[in-house]
Amino acid sequence: MYRALVGGGLALLVLGLFLGIMLPESIPGSGTAIPCGTPWNPSYAAADDEAIVDRLTNGVQGASDYRAECRDAFGSRSSVAIMITILGGIGLAAAAVVRHQSAAGDQSKSEIGNELP
């Protein structure tokens, strides 16, 4: 039980961190992809720069809101990554409780055995 909780907890924790930190998102711009950062560390500088260029070339009415497109590109991935990471943390905490209870149970069994004549 302890090993399953540790393994599952670590796997969920790593998956959540991977989804939230390691997978950058980008959106199509006018000619090139615009990097948006990651869900937990968004970077809108390139989107803002592209929006300025878009406004200068197309006018205000034809300009795209690249910042909003970046936020939309993240979608629910940020929420999913947070929930998976929290579940991994809960699994590791449960493993620590199981380990502590197991150690306490072993100690009480040895004390009971010492009391017998």
Protein backbone atom coordinates (compact mmCIF):
# COMPACT_ATOMS: atom_id res chain seq x y z
CA MET A 1 0.00 0.00 0.00
CA TYR A 2 2.82 2.39 0.93
CA ARG A 3 4.72 1.81 -2.30
CA ALA A 4 1.57 2.21 -4.41
CA LEU A 5 0.79 5.54 -2.72
CA VAL A 6 4.35 6.79 -3.14
CA GLY A 7 4.51 5.66 -6.77
CA GLY A 8 1.11 7.06 -7.66
CA GLY A 9 1.73 10.28 -5.74
CA LEU A 10 5.08 10.88 -7.40
CA ALA A 11 3.70 10.08 -10.84
CA LEU A 12 0.81 12.53 -10.41
CA LEU A 13 3.10 15.18 -8.96
CA VAL A 14 5.54 14.91 -11.86
CA LEU A 15 2.72 14.88 -14.43
CA GLY A 16 1.12 17.98 -12.90
CA LEU A 17 4.42 19.84 -12.82
CA PHE A 18 5.17 18.77 -16.39
CA LEU A 19 1.79 20.05 -17.65
CA GLY A 20 2.06 23.30 -15.71
CA ILE A 21 5.70 24.22 -16.15
CA MET A 22 7.41 22.29 -18.90
CA LEU A 23 5.02 22.49 -21.87
CA PRO A 24 5.11 25.98 -23.39
CA GLU A 25 2.20 27.14 -25.51
CA SER A 26 2.25 29.22 -28.67
CA ILE A 27 -0.35 30.67 -30.99
CA PRO A 28 -0.20 31.38 -34.71
CA GLY A 29 0.65 34.97 -35.50
CA SER A 30 1.10 36.87 -38.70
CA GLY A 31 3.75 34.68 -40.25
CA THR A 32 5.34 33.10 -37.17
CA ALA A 33 4.26 31.42 -33.97
CA ILE A 34 3.92 33.69 -30.95
CA PRO A 35 5.25 32.15 -27.71
CA CYS A 36 2.88 32.50 -24.75
CA GLY A 37 4.89 30.83 -21.99
CA THR A 38 3.46 28.11 -19.79
CA PRO A 39 0.18 28.03 -17.83
CA TRP A 40 1.97 28.69 -14.52
CA ASN A 41 4.37 31.23 -16.00
CA PRO A 42 2.62 33.05 -18.84
CA SER A 43 4.63 35.48 -20.95
CA TYR A 44 2.62 37.98 -22.95
CA ALA A 45 5.51 40.17 -24.14
CA ALA A 46 5.68 38.61 -27.61
CA ALA A 47 1.88 38.72 -27.89
CA ASP A 48 1.85 42.41 -26.98
CA ASP A 49 4.62 43.15 -29.49
CA GLU A 50 2.75 41.29 -32.22
CA ALA A 51 -0.45 43.18 -31.36
CA ILE A 52 1.38 46.49 -31.81
CA VAL A 53 2.71 45.41 -35.19
CA ASP A 54 -0.75 44.16 -36.14
CA ARG A 55 -2.34 47.49 -35.19
CA LEU A 56 0.23 49.41 -37.21
CA THR A 57 -0.24 47.29 -40.32
CA ASN A 58 -3.99 46.55 -40.17
CA GLY A 59 -5.35 49.49 -38.21
CA VAL A 60 -7.22 49.33 -34.94
CA GLN A 61 -10.31 47.64 -36.37
CA GLY A 62 -8.42 44.73 -37.93
CA ALA A 63 -6.10 44.14 -34.98
CA SER A 64 -6.15 40.84 -33.13
CA ASP A 65 -6.02 40.47 -29.35
CA TYR A 66 -3.08 38.09 -29.11
CA ARG A 67 -2.96 38.33 -25.31
CA ALA A 68 -6.51 36.95 -25.11
CA GLU A 69 -5.63 34.27 -27.65
CA CYS A 70 -2.69 33.22 -25.45
CA ARG A 71 -4.99 32.97 -22.41
CA ASP A 72 -7.46 30.93 -24.46
CA ALA A 73 -4.66 28.64 -25.67
CA PHE A 74 -3.91 27.64 -22.09
CA GLY A 75 -7.57 26.71 -21.68
CA SER A 76 -8.15 24.41 -18.77
CA ARG A 77 -4.62 22.99 -18.82
CA SER A 78 -3.61 25.19 -15.88
CA SER A 79 -6.53 24.00 -13.74
CA VAL A 80 -5.91 20.37 -14.67
CA ALA A 81 -2.20 20.70 -13.86
CA ILE A 82 -2.98 22.22 -10.46
CA MET A 83 -5.52 19.49 -9.62
CA ILE A 84 -3.15 16.70 -10.69
CA THR A 85 -0.30 18.23 -8.66
CA ILE A 86 -2.52 18.54 -5.58
CA LEU A 87 -3.67 14.91 -5.96
CA GLY A 88 -0.02 13.86 -6.16
CA GLY A 89 0.73 15.79 -2.97
CA ILE A 90 -2.25 14.18 -1.24
CA GLY A 91 -1.01 10.75 -2.34
CA LEU A 92 2.44 11.44 -0.91
CA ALA A 93 0.91 12.74 2.34
CA ALA A 94 -1.24 9.60 2.56
CA ALA A 95 1.86 7.48 2.03
CA ALA A 96 3.57 9.29 4.91
CA VAL A 97 0.54 8.64 7.16
CA VAL A 98 0.43 4.96 6.17
CA ARG A 99 4.16 4.66 6.83
CA HIS A 100 3.80 6.39 10.22
CA GLN A 101 0.85 4.18 11.23
CA SER A 102 2.73 1.10 10.11
CA ALA A 103 5.76 2.07 12.19
CA ALA A 104 3.54 2.89 15.20
CA GLY A 105 1.73 -0.45 14.82
CA ASP A 106 5.04 -2.35 14.72
CA GLN A 107 6.22 -0.54 17.84
CA SER A 108 3.02 -1.29 19.79
CA LYS A 109 3.22 -4.97 18.78
CA SER A 110 6.75 -5.19 20.10
CA GLU A 111 5.71 -3.53 23.38
CA ILE A 112 2.85 -6.00 23.77
CA GLY A 113 5.20 -8.88 23.14
CA ASN A 114 7.58 -7.63 25.86
CA GLU A 115 4.80 -7.53 28.46
CA LEU A 116 3.97 -11.21 28.08
CA PRO A 117 5.66 -13.54 30.60
